[in-house]
Amino acid sequence: MMRLKRQGQLILGIILIIIIAVFSILNVTPVPINFGVVTVRWPLVIVLLGAVFIGALLMFLLTTVNHFQKRRQDKQQGEAPASKLEPETVKQHNRRITGAVAEQTKTTQPTHEQKEKDDDQ
């Protein structure tokens, strides 16, 4: 299953590279970019890919900041991460089950006195 997933990702990556290459070949016309102080002429593909890259970088940074703020907020509220809670929760669950099984065996197993009574009859 994992191998199939990796093959799918590889194929998708190759298709994406081919699309970007064709896009790059079709958009090599230089366009003027005005930065206010200076105007430069760059190929359209560089401008578009640069804009996409900057947008992706901004989204990554905003998501990362949001993630760390959420972790800090959870830590301040005293919530431990699930990985730290899990072993303790499992231990408590095991204790409850063990106690329930012990109670069950006490009520279902006849006592020594009951065994003697049954033997006498």
PDB file of N, CA and C in Angstrom:
ATOM      1  N   MET A   1       0.831  -1.190   0.000  1.00  0.00           N
ATOM      2  CA  MET A   1       0.000   0.000   0.000  1.00  0.00           C
ATOM      3  C   MET A   1       0.875   1.254   0.000  1.00  0.00           C
ATOM      4  N   MET A   2       1.924   1.236   0.845  1.00  0.00           N
ATOM      5  CA  MET A   2       2.808   2.389   0.941  1.00  0.00           C
ATOM      6  C   MET A   2       3.556   2.584  -0.372  1.00  0.00           C
ATOM      7  N   ARG A   3       3.941   1.476  -0.998  1.00  0.00           N
ATOM      8  CA  ARG A   3       4.680   1.558  -2.256  1.00  0.00           C
ATOM      9  C   ARG A   3       3.798   2.168  -3.345  1.00  0.00           C
ATOM     10  N   LEU A   4       2.521   1.786  -3.359  1.00  0.00           N
ATOM     11  CA  LEU A   4       1.585   2.316  -4.339  1.00  0.00           C
ATOM     12  C   LEU A   4       1.386   3.814  -4.139  1.00  0.00           C
ATOM     13  N   LYS A   5       1.339   4.239  -2.893  1.00  0.00           N
ATOM     14  CA  LYS A   5       1.178   5.659  -2.590  1.00  0.00           C
ATOM     15  C   LYS A   5       2.386   6.447  -3.089  1.00  0.00           C
ATOM     16  N   ARG A   6       3.577   5.907  -2.864  1.00  0.00           N
ATOM     17  CA  ARG A   6       4.799   6.591  -3.316  1.00  0.00           C
ATOM     18  C   ARG A   6       4.861   6.654  -4.841  1.00  0.00           C
ATOM     19  N   GLN A   7       4.421   5.588  -5.503  1.00  0.00           N
ATOM     20  CA  GLN A   7       4.411   5.595  -6.961  1.00  0.00           C
ATOM     21  C   GLN A   7       3.444   6.655  -7.479  1.00  0.00           C
ATOM     22  N   GLY A   8       2.305   6.774  -6.833  1.00  0.00           N
ATOM     23  CA  GLY A   8       1.329   7.792  -7.218  1.00  0.00           C
ATOM     24  C   GLY A   8       1.886   9.189  -7.038  1.00  0.00           C
ATOM     25  N   GLN A   9       2.594   9.408  -5.939  1.00  0.00           N
ATOM     26  CA  GLN A   9       3.206  10.716  -5.702  1.00  0.00           C
ATOM     27  C   GLN A   9       4.283  11.007  -6.740  1.00  0.00           C
ATOM     28  N   LEU A  10       5.053   9.994  -7.100  1.00  0.00           N
ATOM     29  CA  LEU A  10       6.099  10.166  -8.108  1.00  0.00           C
ATOM     30  C   LEU A  10       5.487  10.528  -9.459  1.00  0.00           C
ATOM     31  N   ILE A  11       4.448   9.815  -9.849  1.00  0.00           N
ATOM     32  CA  ILE A  11       3.786  10.097 -11.128  1.00  0.00           C
ATOM     33  C   ILE A  11       3.190  11.502 -11.120  1.00  0.00           C
ATOM     34  N   LEU A  12       2.542  11.873 -10.032  1.00  0.00           N
ATOM     35  CA  LEU A  12       1.969  13.213  -9.913  1.00  0.00           C
ATOM     36  C   LEU A  12       3.061  14.278  -9.986  1.00  0.00           C
ATOM     37  N   GLY A  13       4.190  14.030  -9.349  1.00  0.00           N
ATOM     38  CA  GLY A  13       5.314  14.960  -9.400  1.00  0.00           C
ATOM     39  C   GLY A  13       5.855  15.126 -10.807  1.00  0.00           C
ATOM     40  N   ILE A  14       5.987  14.015 -11.529  1.00  0.00           N
ATOM     41  CA  ILE A  14       6.489  14.078 -12.909  1.00  0.00           C
ATOM     42  C   ILE A  14       5.519  14.860 -13.795  1.00  0.00           C
ATOM     43  N   ILE A  15       4.228  14.608 -13.642  1.00  0.00           N
ATOM     44  CA  ILE A  15       3.224  15.346 -14.426  1.00  0.00           C
ATOM     45  C   ILE A  15       3.296  16.836 -14.118  1.00  0.00           C
ATOM     46  N   LEU A  16       3.437  17.172 -12.845  1.00  0.00           N
ATOM     47  CA  LEU A  16       3.529  18.579 -12.448  1.00  0.00           C
ATOM     48  C   LEU A  16       4.776  19.240 -13.039  1.00  0.00           C
ATOM     49  N   ILE A  17       5.892  18.539 -13.049  1.00  0.00           N
ATOM     50  CA  ILE A  17       7.130  19.076 -13.634  1.00  0.00           C
ATOM     51  C   ILE A  17       6.959  19.308 -15.133  1.00  0.00           C
ATOM     52  N   ILE A  18       6.298  18.381 -15.814  1.00  0.00           N
ATOM     53  CA  ILE A  18       6.069  18.542 -17.258  1.00  0.00           C
ATOM     54  C   ILE A  18       5.183  19.761 -17.526  1.00  0.00           C
ATOM     55  N   ILE A  19       4.132  19.924 -16.733  1.00  0.00           N
ATOM     56  CA  ILE A  19       3.235  21.077 -16.905  1.00  0.00           C
ATOM     57  C   ILE A  19       3.993  22.383 -16.676  1.00  0.00           C
ATOM     58  N   ILE A  20       4.810  22.427 -15.642  1.00  0.00           N
ATOM     59  CA  ILE A  20       5.593  23.641 -15.355  1.00  0.00           C
ATOM     60  C   ILE A  20       6.586  23.912 -16.481  1.00  0.00           C
ATOM     61  N   ALA A  21       7.205  22.862 -17.031  1.00  0.00           N
ATOM     62  CA  ALA A  21       8.168  23.046 -18.127  1.00  0.00           C
ATOM     63  C   ALA A  21       7.475  23.607 -19.365  1.00  0.00           C
ATOM     64  N   VAL A  22       6.316  23.057 -19.716  1.00  0.00           N
ATOM     65  CA  VAL A  22       5.572  23.559 -20.881  1.00  0.00           C
ATOM     66  C   VAL A  22       5.143  25.003 -20.636  1.00  0.00           C
ATOM     67  N   PHE A  23       4.665  25.283 -19.441  1.00  0.00           N
ATOM     68  CA  PHE A  23       4.260  26.642 -19.072  1.00  0.00           C
ATOM     69  C   PHE A  23       5.437  27.602 -19.197  1.00  0.00           C
ATOM     70  N   SER A  24       6.596  27.165 -18.767  1.00  0.00           N
ATOM     71  CA  SER A  24       7.796  28.009 -18.830  1.00  0.00           C
ATOM     72  C   SER A  24       8.190  28.307 -20.272  1.00  0.00           C
ATOM     73  N   ILE A  25       8.113  27.307 -21.135  1.00  0.00           N
ATOM     74  CA  ILE A  25       8.484  27.490 -22.543  1.00  0.00           C
ATOM     75  C   ILE A  25       7.523  28.452 -23.234  1.00  0.00           C
ATOM     76  N   LEU A  26       6.249  28.391 -22.872  1.00  0.00           N
ATOM     77  CA  LEU A  26       5.246  29.239 -23.519  1.00  0.00           C
ATOM     78  C   LEU A  26       5.264  30.681 -23.021  1.00  0.00           C
ATOM     79  N   ASN A  27       5.868  30.949 -21.871  1.00  0.00           N
ATOM     80  CA  ASN A  27       5.810  32.284 -21.271  1.00  0.00           C
ATOM     81  C   ASN A  27       7.195  32.868 -21.020  1.00  0.00           C
ATOM     82  N   VAL A  28       7.998  32.957 -22.073  1.00  0.00           N
ATOM     83  CA  VAL A  28       9.341  33.514 -21.923  1.00  0.00           C
ATOM     84  C   VAL A  28       9.404  34.982 -22.329  1.00  0.00           C
ATOM     85  N   THR A  29       8.298  35.559 -22.717  1.00  0.00           N
ATOM     86  CA  THR A  29       8.265  36.961 -23.134  1.00  0.00           C
ATOM     87  C   THR A  29       8.635  37.866 -21.967  1.00  0.00           C
ATOM     88  N   PRO A  30       9.603  38.765 -22.146  1.00  0.00           N
ATOM     89  CA  PRO A  30       9.961  39.690 -21.060  1.00  0.00           C
ATOM     90  C   PRO A  30       8.840  40.706 -20.813  1.00  0.00           C
ATOM     91  N   VAL A  31       8.571  40.955 -19.552  1.00  0.00           N
ATOM     92  CA  VAL A  31       7.552  41.939 -19.171  1.00  0.00           C
ATOM     93  C   VAL A  31       8.187  42.927 -18.201  1.00  0.00           C
ATOM     94  N   PRO A  32       7.761  44.193 -18.271  1.00  0.00           N
ATOM     95  CA  PRO A  32       8.322  45.179 -17.339  1.00  0.00           C
ATOM     96  C   PRO A  32       7.684  45.046 -15.953  1.00  0.00           C
ATOM     97  N   ILE A  33       8.499  45.069 -14.927  1.00  0.00           N
ATOM     98  CA  ILE A  33       8.041  45.034 -13.538  1.00  0.00           C
ATOM     99  C   ILE A  33       8.501  46.334 -12.894  1.00  0.00           C
ATOM    100  N   ASN A  34       7.553  47.100 -12.372  1.00  0.00           N
ATOM    101  CA  ASN A  34       7.862  48.392 -11.778  1.00  0.00           C
ATOM    102  C   ASN A  34       7.899  48.247 -10.257  1.00  0.00           C
ATOM    103  N   PHE A  35       9.053  48.472  -9.652  1.00  0.00           N
ATOM    104  CA  PHE A  35       9.221  48.411  -8.199  1.00  0.00           C
ATOM    105  C   PHE A  35       9.119  49.791  -7.553  1.00  0.00           C
ATOM    106  N   GLY A  36       8.641  50.770  -8.276  1.00  0.00           N
ATOM    107  CA  GLY A  36       8.521  52.120  -7.747  1.00  0.00           C
ATOM    108  C   GLY A  36       9.749  52.950  -8.032  1.00  0.00           C
ATOM    109  N   VAL A  37      10.892  52.460  -7.652  1.00  0.00           N
ATOM    110  CA  VAL A  37      12.147  53.188  -7.853  1.00  0.00           C
ATOM    111  C   VAL A  37      12.795  52.766  -9.167  1.00  0.00           C
ATOM    112  N   VAL A  38      12.679  51.509  -9.468  1.00  0.00           N
ATOM    113  CA  VAL A  38      13.342  50.969 -10.652  1.00  0.00           C
ATOM    114  C   VAL A  38      12.363  50.065 -11.406  1.00  0.00           C
ATOM    115  N   THR A  39      12.514  50.015 -12.719  1.00  0.00           N
ATOM    116  CA  THR A  39      11.715  49.125 -13.556  1.00  0.00           C
ATOM    117  C   THR A  39      12.657  48.112 -14.196  1.00  0.00           C
ATOM    118  N   VAL A  40      12.278  46.831 -14.099  1.00  0.00           N
ATOM    119  CA  VAL A  40      13.100  45.766 -14.686  1.00  0.00           C
ATOM    120  C   VAL A  40      12.261  44.986 -15.682  1.00  0.00           C
ATOM    121  N   ARG A  41      12.916  44.283 -16.585  1.00  0.00           N
ATOM    122  CA  ARG A  41      12.225  43.422 -17.556  1.00  0.00           C
ATOM    123  C   ARG A  41      12.647  41.975 -17.277  1.00  0.00           C
ATOM    124  N   TRP A  42      11.687  41.190 -16.873  1.00  0.00           N
ATOM    125  CA  TRP A  42      11.931  39.781 -16.586  1.00  0.00           C
ATOM    126  C   TRP A  42      10.981  38.929 -17.415  1.00  0.00           C
ATOM    127  N   PRO A  43      11.359  37.676 -17.668  1.00  0.00           N
ATOM    128  CA  PRO A  43      10.433  36.772 -18.366  1.00  0.00           C
ATOM    129  C   PRO A  43       9.162  36.560 -17.519  1.00  0.00           C
ATOM    130  N   LEU A  44       8.044  36.475 -18.212  1.00  0.00           N
ATOM    131  CA  LEU A  44       6.755  36.336 -17.526  1.00  0.00           C
ATOM    132  C   LEU A  44       6.727  35.112 -16.614  1.00  0.00           C
ATOM    133  N   VAL A  45       7.351  34.022 -17.024  1.00  0.00           N
ATOM    134  CA  VAL A  45       7.345  32.810 -16.216  1.00  0.00           C
ATOM    135  C   VAL A  45       8.042  33.042 -14.879  1.00  0.00           C
ATOM    136  N   ILE A  46       9.109  33.821 -14.861  1.00  0.00           N
ATOM    137  CA  ILE A  46       9.820  34.112 -13.605  1.00  0.00           C
ATOM    138  C   ILE A  46       8.913  34.915 -12.675  1.00  0.00           C
ATOM    139  N   VAL A  47       8.210  35.878 -13.245  1.00  0.00           N
ATOM    140  CA  VAL A  47       7.305  36.707 -12.439  1.00  0.00           C
ATOM    141  C   VAL A  47       6.189  35.847 -11.839  1.00  0.00           C
ATOM    142  N   LEU A  48       5.580  34.998 -12.667  1.00  0.00           N
ATOM    143  CA  LEU A  48       4.469  34.163 -12.185  1.00  0.00           C
ATOM    144  C   LEU A  48       4.935  33.130 -11.155  1.00  0.00           C
ATOM    145  N   LEU A  49       6.018  32.433 -11.460  1.00  0.00           N
ATOM    146  CA  LEU A  49       6.517  31.433 -10.511  1.00  0.00           C
ATOM    147  C   LEU A  49       7.002  32.086  -9.222  1.00  0.00           C
ATOM    148  N   GLY A  50       7.603  33.264  -9.338  1.00  0.00           N
ATOM    149  CA  GLY A  50       8.020  33.999  -8.139  1.00  0.00           C
ATOM    150  C   GLY A  50       6.824  34.371  -7.274  1.00  0.00           C
ATOM    151  N   ALA A  51       5.740  34.820  -7.911  1.00  0.00           N
ATOM    152  CA  ALA A  51       4.529  35.178  -7.161  1.00  0.00           C
ATOM    153  C   ALA A  51       3.925  33.948  -6.477  1.00  0.00           C
ATOM    154  N   VAL A  52       3.902  32.823  -7.183  1.00  0.00           N
ATOM    155  CA  VAL A  52       3.375  31.587  -6.589  1.00  0.00           C
ATOM    156  C   VAL A  52       4.246  31.154  -5.412  1.00  0.00           C
ATOM    157  N   PHE A  53       5.554  31.222  -5.579  1.00  0.00           N
ATOM    158  CA  PHE A  53       6.475  30.835  -4.507  1.00  0.00           C
ATOM    159  C   PHE A  53       6.306  31.730  -3.283  1.00  0.00           C
ATOM    160  N   ILE A  54       6.215  33.035  -3.497  1.00  0.00           N
ATOM    161  CA  ILE A  54       6.047  33.960  -2.369  1.00  0.00           C
ATOM    162  C   ILE A  54       4.713  33.704  -1.663  1.00  0.00           C
ATOM    163  N   GLY A  55       3.657  33.438  -2.427  1.00  0.00           N
ATOM    164  CA  GLY A  55       2.357  33.122  -1.825  1.00  0.00           C
ATOM    165  C   GLY A  55       2.410  31.845  -0.999  1.00  0.00           C
ATOM    166  N   ALA A  56       3.069  30.817  -1.527  1.00  0.00           N
ATOM    167  CA  ALA A  56       3.195  29.555  -0.784  1.00  0.00           C
ATOM    168  C   ALA A  56       4.020  29.749   0.480  1.00  0.00           C
ATOM    169  N   LEU A  57       5.073  30.541   0.389  1.00  0.00           N
ATOM    170  CA  LEU A  57       5.915  30.819   1.551  1.00  0.00           C
ATOM    171  C   LEU A  57       5.128  31.561   2.630  1.00  0.00           C
ATOM    172  N   LEU A  58       4.338  32.549   2.224  1.00  0.00           N
ATOM    173  CA  LEU A  58       3.508  33.279   3.192  1.00  0.00           C
ATOM    174  C   LEU A  58       2.494  32.358   3.867  1.00  0.00           C
ATOM    175  N   MET A  59       1.860  31.482   3.097  1.00  0.00           N
ATOM    176  CA  MET A  59       0.889  30.546   3.678  1.00  0.00           C
ATOM    177  C   MET A  59       1.572  29.604   4.669  1.00  0.00           C
ATOM    178  N   PHE A  60       2.762  29.131   4.325  1.00  0.00           N
ATOM    179  CA  PHE A  60       3.513  28.255   5.223  1.00  0.00           C
ATOM    180  C   PHE A  60       3.841  28.968   6.528  1.00  0.00           C
ATOM    181  N   LEU A  61       4.319  30.211   6.420  1.00  0.00           N
ATOM    182  CA  LEU A  61       4.673  30.967   7.625  1.00  0.00           C
ATOM    183  C   LEU A  61       3.450  31.244   8.497  1.00  0.00           C
ATOM    184  N   LEU A  62       2.341  31.631   7.889  1.00  0.00           N
ATOM    185  CA  LEU A  62       1.124  31.902   8.659  1.00  0.00           C
ATOM    186  C   LEU A  62       0.605  30.636   9.339  1.00  0.00           C
ATOM    187  N   THR A  63       0.658  29.521   8.641  1.00  0.00           N
ATOM    188  CA  THR A  63       0.212  28.254   9.223  1.00  0.00           C
ATOM    189  C   THR A  63       1.113  27.850  10.383  1.00  0.00           C
ATOM    190  N   THR A  64       2.416  28.027  10.223  1.00  0.00           N
ATOM    191  CA  THR A  64       3.358  27.680  11.287  1.00  0.00           C
ATOM    192  C   THR A  64       3.136  28.543  12.520  1.00  0.00           C
ATOM    193  N   VAL A  65       2.966  29.842  12.329  1.00  0.00           N
ATOM    194  CA  VAL A  65       2.708  30.743  13.456  1.00  0.00           C
ATOM    195  C   VAL A  65       1.417  30.342  14.161  1.00  0.00           C
ATOM    196  N   ASN A  66       0.381  30.049  13.390  1.00  0.00           N
ATOM    197  CA  ASN A  66      -0.903  29.640  13.969  1.00  0.00           C
ATOM    198  C   ASN A  66      -0.752  28.347  14.767  1.00  0.00           C
ATOM    199  N   HIS A  67       0.029  27.409  14.246  1.00  0.00           N
ATOM    200  CA  HIS A  67       0.253  26.133  14.934  1.00  0.00           C
ATOM    201  C   HIS A  67       0.944  26.350  16.283  1.00  0.00           C
ATOM    202  N   PHE A  68       1.986  27.182  16.304  1.00  0.00           N
ATOM    203  CA  PHE A  68       2.707  27.427  17.555  1.00  0.00           C
ATOM    204  C   PHE A  68       1.856  28.209  18.553  1.00  0.00           C
ATOM    205  N   GLN A  69       1.026  29.128  18.079  1.00  0.00           N
ATOM    206  CA  GLN A  69       0.121  29.844  18.982  1.00  0.00           C
ATOM    207  C   GLN A  69      -0.872  28.877  19.606  1.00  0.00           C
ATOM    208  N   LYS A  70      -1.389  27.947  18.822  1.00  0.00           N
ATOM    209  CA  LYS A  70      -2.340  26.952  19.335  1.00  0.00           C
ATOM    210  C   LYS A  70      -1.667  26.059  20.371  1.00  0.00           C
ATOM    211  N   ARG A  71      -0.428  25.630  20.110  1.00  0.00           N
ATOM    212  CA  ARG A  71       0.297  24.799  21.080  1.00  0.00           C
ATOM    213  C   ARG A  71       0.541  25.551  22.377  1.00  0.00           C
ATOM    214  N   ARG A  72       0.926  26.823  22.279  1.00  0.00           N
ATOM    215  CA  ARG A  72       1.172  27.631  23.471  1.00  0.00           C
ATOM    216  C   ARG A  72      -0.128  27.809  24.261  1.00  0.00           C
ATOM    217  N   GLN A  73      -1.224  28.037  23.553  1.00  0.00           N
ATOM    218  CA  GLN A  73      -2.515  28.209  24.216  1.00  0.00           C
ATOM    219  C   GLN A  73      -2.924  26.914  24.922  1.00  0.00           C
ATOM    220  N   ASP A  74      -2.745  25.775  24.276  1.00  0.00           N
ATOM    221  CA  ASP A  74      -3.066  24.488  24.896  1.00  0.00           C
ATOM    222  C   ASP A  74      -2.204  24.248  26.126  1.00  0.00           C
ATOM    223  N   LYS A  75      -0.929  24.609  26.043  1.00  0.00           N
ATOM    224  CA  LYS A  75      -0.013  24.424  27.165  1.00  0.00           C
ATOM    225  C   LYS A  75      -0.421  25.302  28.342  1.00  0.00           C
ATOM    226  N   GLN A  76      -0.846  26.535  28.060  1.00  0.00           N
ATOM    227  CA  GLN A  76      -1.268  27.446  29.119  1.00  0.00           C
ATOM    228  C   GLN A  76      -2.558  26.970  29.776  1.00  0.00           C
ATOM    229  N   GLN A  77      -3.413  26.306  29.023  1.00  0.00           N
ATOM    230  CA  GLN A  77      -4.668  25.798  29.572  1.00  0.00           C
ATOM    231  C   GLN A  77      -4.461  24.489  30.325  1.00  0.00           C
ATOM    232  N   GLY A  78      -3.264  23.986  30.301  1.00  0.00           N
ATOM    233  CA  GLY A  78      -2.949  22.774  31.048  1.00  0.00           C
ATOM    234  C   GLY A  78      -3.278  21.492  30.323  1.00  0.00           C
ATOM    235  N   GLU A  79      -3.576  21.580  29.054  1.00  0.00           N
ATOM    236  CA  GLU A  79      -3.872  20.380  28.290  1.00  0.00           C
ATOM    237  C   GLU A  79      -2.567  19.777  27.810  1.00  0.00           C
ATOM    238  N   ALA A  80      -2.354  18.541  28.177  1.00  0.00           N
ATOM    239  CA  ALA A  80      -1.145  17.851  27.728  1.00  0.00           C
ATOM    240  C   ALA A  80      -1.408  17.272  26.345  1.00  0.00           C
ATOM    241  N   PRO A  81      -0.379  17.101  25.550  1.00  0.00           N
ATOM    242  CA  PRO A  81      -0.565  16.461  24.250  1.00  0.00           C
ATOM    243  C   PRO A  81      -1.123  15.052  24.414  1.00  0.00           C
ATOM    244  N   ALA A  82      -1.848  14.582  23.424  1.00  0.00           N
ATOM    245  CA  ALA A  82      -2.504  13.280  23.497  1.00  0.00           C
ATOM    246  C   ALA A  82      -1.501  12.153  23.710  1.00  0.00           C
ATOM    247  N   SER A  83      -0.313  12.267  23.166  1.00  0.00           N
ATOM    248  CA  SER A  83       0.674  11.202  23.305  1.00  0.00           C
ATOM    249  C   SER A  83       1.101  11.021  24.755  1.00  0.00           C
ATOM    250  N   LYS A  84       1.084  12.086  25.560  1.00  0.00           N
ATOM    251  CA  LYS A  84       1.457  11.959  26.964  1.00  0.00           C
ATOM    252  C   LYS A  84       0.298  11.428  27.789  1.00  0.00           C
ATOM    253  N   LEU A  85      -0.919  11.703  27.377  1.00  0.00           N
ATOM    254  CA  LEU A  85      -2.084  11.244  28.124  1.00  0.00           C
ATOM    255  C   LEU A  85      -2.371   9.768  27.871  1.00  0.00           C
ATOM    256  N   GLU A  86      -2.067   9.294  26.723  1.00  0.00           N
ATOM    257  CA  GLU A  86      -2.470   7.960  26.324  1.00  0.00           C
ATOM    258  C   GLU A  86      -1.981   6.852  27.251  1.00  0.00           C
ATOM    259  N   PRO A  87      -0.694   6.766  27.611  1.00  0.00           N
ATOM    260  CA  PRO A  87      -0.273   5.659  28.474  1.00  0.00           C
ATOM    261  C   PRO A  87      -0.997   5.662  29.823  1.00  0.00           C
ATOM    262  N   GLU A  88      -1.209   6.823  30.412  1.00  0.00           N
ATOM    263  CA  GLU A  88      -1.900   6.889  31.695  1.00  0.00           C
ATOM    264  C   GLU A  88      -3.355   6.462  31.541  1.00  0.00           C
ATOM    265  N   THR A  89      -3.985   6.869  30.466  1.00  0.00           N
ATOM    266  CA  THR A  89      -5.369   6.482  30.219  1.00  0.00           C
ATOM    267  C   THR A  89      -5.469   4.974  30.050  1.00  0.00           C
ATOM    268  N   VAL A  90      -4.531   4.388  29.353  1.00  0.00           N
ATOM    269  CA  VAL A  90      -4.523   2.935  29.162  1.00  0.00           C
ATOM    270  C   VAL A  90      -4.342   2.233  30.503  1.00  0.00           C
ATOM    271  N   LYS A  91      -3.454   2.743  31.349  1.00  0.00           N
ATOM    272  CA  LYS A  91      -3.246   2.137  32.668  1.00  0.00           C
ATOM    273  C   LYS A  91      -4.524   2.188  33.491  1.00  0.00           C
ATOM    274  N   GLN A  92      -5.204   3.324  33.487  1.00  0.00           N
ATOM    275  CA  GLN A  92      -6.448   3.444  34.247  1.00  0.00           C
ATOM    276  C   GLN A  92      -7.495   2.480  33.712  1.00  0.00           C
ATOM    277  N   HIS A  93      -7.585   2.370  32.404  1.00  0.00           N
ATOM    278  CA  HIS A  93      -8.546   1.458  31.791  1.00  0.00           C
ATOM    279  C   HIS A  93      -8.234   0.009  32.182  1.00  0.00           C
ATOM    280  N   ASN A  94      -6.955  -0.346  32.162  1.00  0.00           N
ATOM    281  CA  ASN A  94      -6.561  -1.704  32.549  1.00  0.00           C
ATOM    282  C   ASN A  94      -6.901  -1.991  34.007  1.00  0.00           C
ATOM    283  N   ARG A  95      -6.692  -1.010  34.886  1.00  0.00           N
ATOM    284  CA  ARG A  95      -7.040  -1.203  36.300  1.00  0.00           C
ATOM    285  C   ARG A  95      -8.537  -1.435  36.465  1.00  0.00           C
ATOM    286  N   ARG A  96      -9.343  -0.642  35.743  1.00  0.00           N
ATOM    287  CA  ARG A  96     -10.796  -0.813  35.836  1.00  0.00           C
ATOM    288  C   ARG A  96     -11.216  -2.196  35.356  1.00  0.00           C
ATOM    289  N   ILE A  97     -10.639  -2.636  34.246  1.00  0.00           N
ATOM    290  CA  ILE A  97     -10.996  -3.951  33.713  1.00  0.00           C
ATOM    291  C   ILE A  97     -10.562  -5.047  34.674  1.00  0.00           C
ATOM    292  N   THR A  98      -9.348  -4.934  35.212  1.00  0.00           N
ATOM    293  CA  THR A  98      -8.846  -5.935  36.153  1.00  0.00           C
ATOM    294  C   THR A  98      -9.744  -6.010  37.378  1.00  0.00           C
ATOM    295  N   GLY A  99     -10.157  -4.855  37.892  1.00  0.00           N
ATOM    296  CA  GLY A  99     -11.053  -4.831  39.046  1.00  0.00           C
ATOM    297  C   GLY A  99     -12.396  -5.453  38.722  1.00  0.00           C
ATOM    298  N   ALA A 100     -12.931  -5.175  37.546  1.00  0.00           N
ATOM    299  CA  ALA A 100     -14.225  -5.731  37.153  1.00  0.00           C
ATOM    300  C   ALA A 100     -14.136  -7.243  36.995  1.00  0.00           C
ATOM    301  N   VAL A 101     -13.044  -7.717  36.416  1.00  0.00           N
ATOM    302  CA  VAL A 101     -12.869  -9.165  36.243  1.00  0.00           C
ATOM    303  C   VAL A 101     -12.737  -9.837  37.601  1.00  0.00           C
ATOM    304  N   ALA A 102     -12.003  -9.215  38.518  1.00  0.00           N
ATOM    305  CA  ALA A 102     -11.845  -9.785  39.858  1.00  0.00           C
ATOM    306  C   ALA A 102     -13.194  -9.870  40.561  1.00  0.00           C
ATOM    307  N   GLU A 103     -14.001  -8.839  40.457  1.00  0.00           N
ATOM    308  CA  GLU A 103     -15.334  -8.852  41.062  1.00  0.00           C
ATOM    309  C   GLU A 103     -16.189  -9.937  40.434  1.00  0.00           C
ATOM    310  N   GLN A 104     -16.096 -10.084  39.129  1.00  0.00           N
ATOM    311  CA  GLN A 104     -16.894 -11.078  38.413  1.00  0.00           C
ATOM    312  C   GLN A 104     -16.527 -12.488  38.870  1.00  0.00           C
ATOM    313  N   THR A 105     -15.233 -12.757  39.024  1.00  0.00           N
ATOM    314  CA  THR A 105     -14.822 -14.099  39.430  1.00  0.00           C
ATOM    315  C   THR A 105     -15.212 -14.376  40.875  1.00  0.00           C
ATOM    316  N   LYS A 106     -15.241 -13.352  41.714  1.00  0.00           N
ATOM    317  CA  LYS A 106     -15.664 -13.553  43.104  1.00  0.00           C
ATOM    318  C   LYS A 106     -17.124 -13.962  43.164  1.00  0.00           C
ATOM    319  N   THR A 107     -17.959 -13.346  42.358  1.00  0.00           N
ATOM    320  CA  THR A 107     -19.393 -13.634  42.419  1.00  0.00           C
ATOM    321  C   THR A 107     -19.745 -14.928  41.709  1.00  0.00           C
ATOM    322  N   THR A 108     -18.972 -15.347  40.723  1.00  0.00           N
ATOM    323  CA  THR A 108     -19.322 -16.553  39.982  1.00  0.00           C
ATOM    324  C   THR A 108     -18.687 -17.809  40.558  1.00  0.00           C
ATOM    325  N   GLN A 109     -17.561 -17.699  41.271  1.00  0.00           N
ATOM    326  CA  GLN A 109     -16.927 -18.876  41.842  1.00  0.00           C
ATOM    327  C   GLN A 109     -17.569 -19.196  43.192  1.00  0.00           C
ATOM    328  N   PRO A 110     -17.919 -20.445  43.390  1.00  0.00           N
ATOM    329  CA  PRO A 110     -18.510 -20.813  44.679  1.00  0.00           C
ATOM    330  C   PRO A 110     -17.466 -20.735  45.794  1.00  0.00           C
ATOM    331  N   THR A 111     -17.904 -20.348  46.958  1.00  0.00           N
ATOM    332  CA  THR A 111     -17.004 -20.277  48.099  1.00  0.00           C
ATOM    333  C   THR A 111     -16.722 -21.678  48.613  1.00  0.00           C
ATOM    334  N   HIS A 112     -15.754 -21.792  49.510  1.00  0.00           N
ATOM    335  CA  HIS A 112     -15.377 -23.081  50.079  1.00  0.00           C
ATOM    336  C   HIS A 112     -16.556 -23.700  50.831  1.00  0.00           C
ATOM    337  N   GLU A 113     -17.319 -22.872  51.549  1.00  0.00           N
ATOM    338  CA  GLU A 113     -18.471 -23.369  52.304  1.00  0.00           C
ATOM    339  C   GLU A 113     -19.533 -23.910  51.366  1.00  0.00           C
ATOM    340  N   GLN A 114     -19.743 -23.236  50.218  1.00  0.00           N
ATOM    341  CA  GLN A 114     -20.747 -23.703  49.277  1.00  0.00           C
ATOM    342  C   GLN A 114     -20.326 -25.033  48.664  1.00  0.00           C
ATOM    343  N   LYS A 115     -19.023 -25.205  48.431  1.00  0.00           N
ATOM    344  CA  LYS A 115     -18.538 -26.462  47.869  1.00  0.00           C
ATOM    345  C   LYS A 115     -18.782 -27.610  48.847  1.00  0.00           C
ATOM    346  N   GLU A 116     -18.518 -27.373  50.162  1.00  0.00           N
ATOM    347  CA  GLU A 116     -18.742 -28.415  51.166  1.00  0.00           C
ATOM    348  C   GLU A 116     -20.212 -28.766  51.254  1.00  0.00           C
ATOM    349  N   LYS A 117     -21.077 -27.781  51.168  1.00  0.00           N
ATOM    350  CA  LYS A 117     -22.511 -28.004  51.233  1.00  0.00           C
ATOM    351  C   LYS A 117     -22.962 -28.873  50.068  1.00  0.00           C
ATOM    352  N   ASP A 118     -22.446 -28.551  48.870  1.00  0.00           N
ATOM    353  CA  ASP A 118     -22.812 -29.305  47.684  1.00  0.00           C
ATOM    354  C   ASP A 118     -22.289 -30.742  47.766  1.00  0.00           C
ATOM    355  N   ASP A 119     -21.100 -30.916  48.347  1.00  0.00           N
ATOM    356  CA  ASP A 119     -20.529 -32.253  48.487  1.00  0.00           C
ATOM    357  C   ASP A 119     -21.350 -33.103  49.456  1.00  0.00           C
ATOM    358  N   ASP A 120     -21.894 -32.476  50.534  1.00  0.00           N
ATOM    359  CA  ASP A 120     -22.683 -33.198  51.525  1.00  0.00           C
ATOM    360  C   ASP A 120     -23.999 -33.679  50.931  1.00  0.00           C
ATOM    361  N   GLN A 121     -24.517 -32.971  49.987  1.00  0.00           N
ATOM    362  CA  GLN A 121     -25.833 -33.340  49.442  1.00  0.00           C
ATOM    363  C   GLN A 121     -25.680 -34.457  48.506  1.00  0.00           C
TER     364      GLN A 121
END
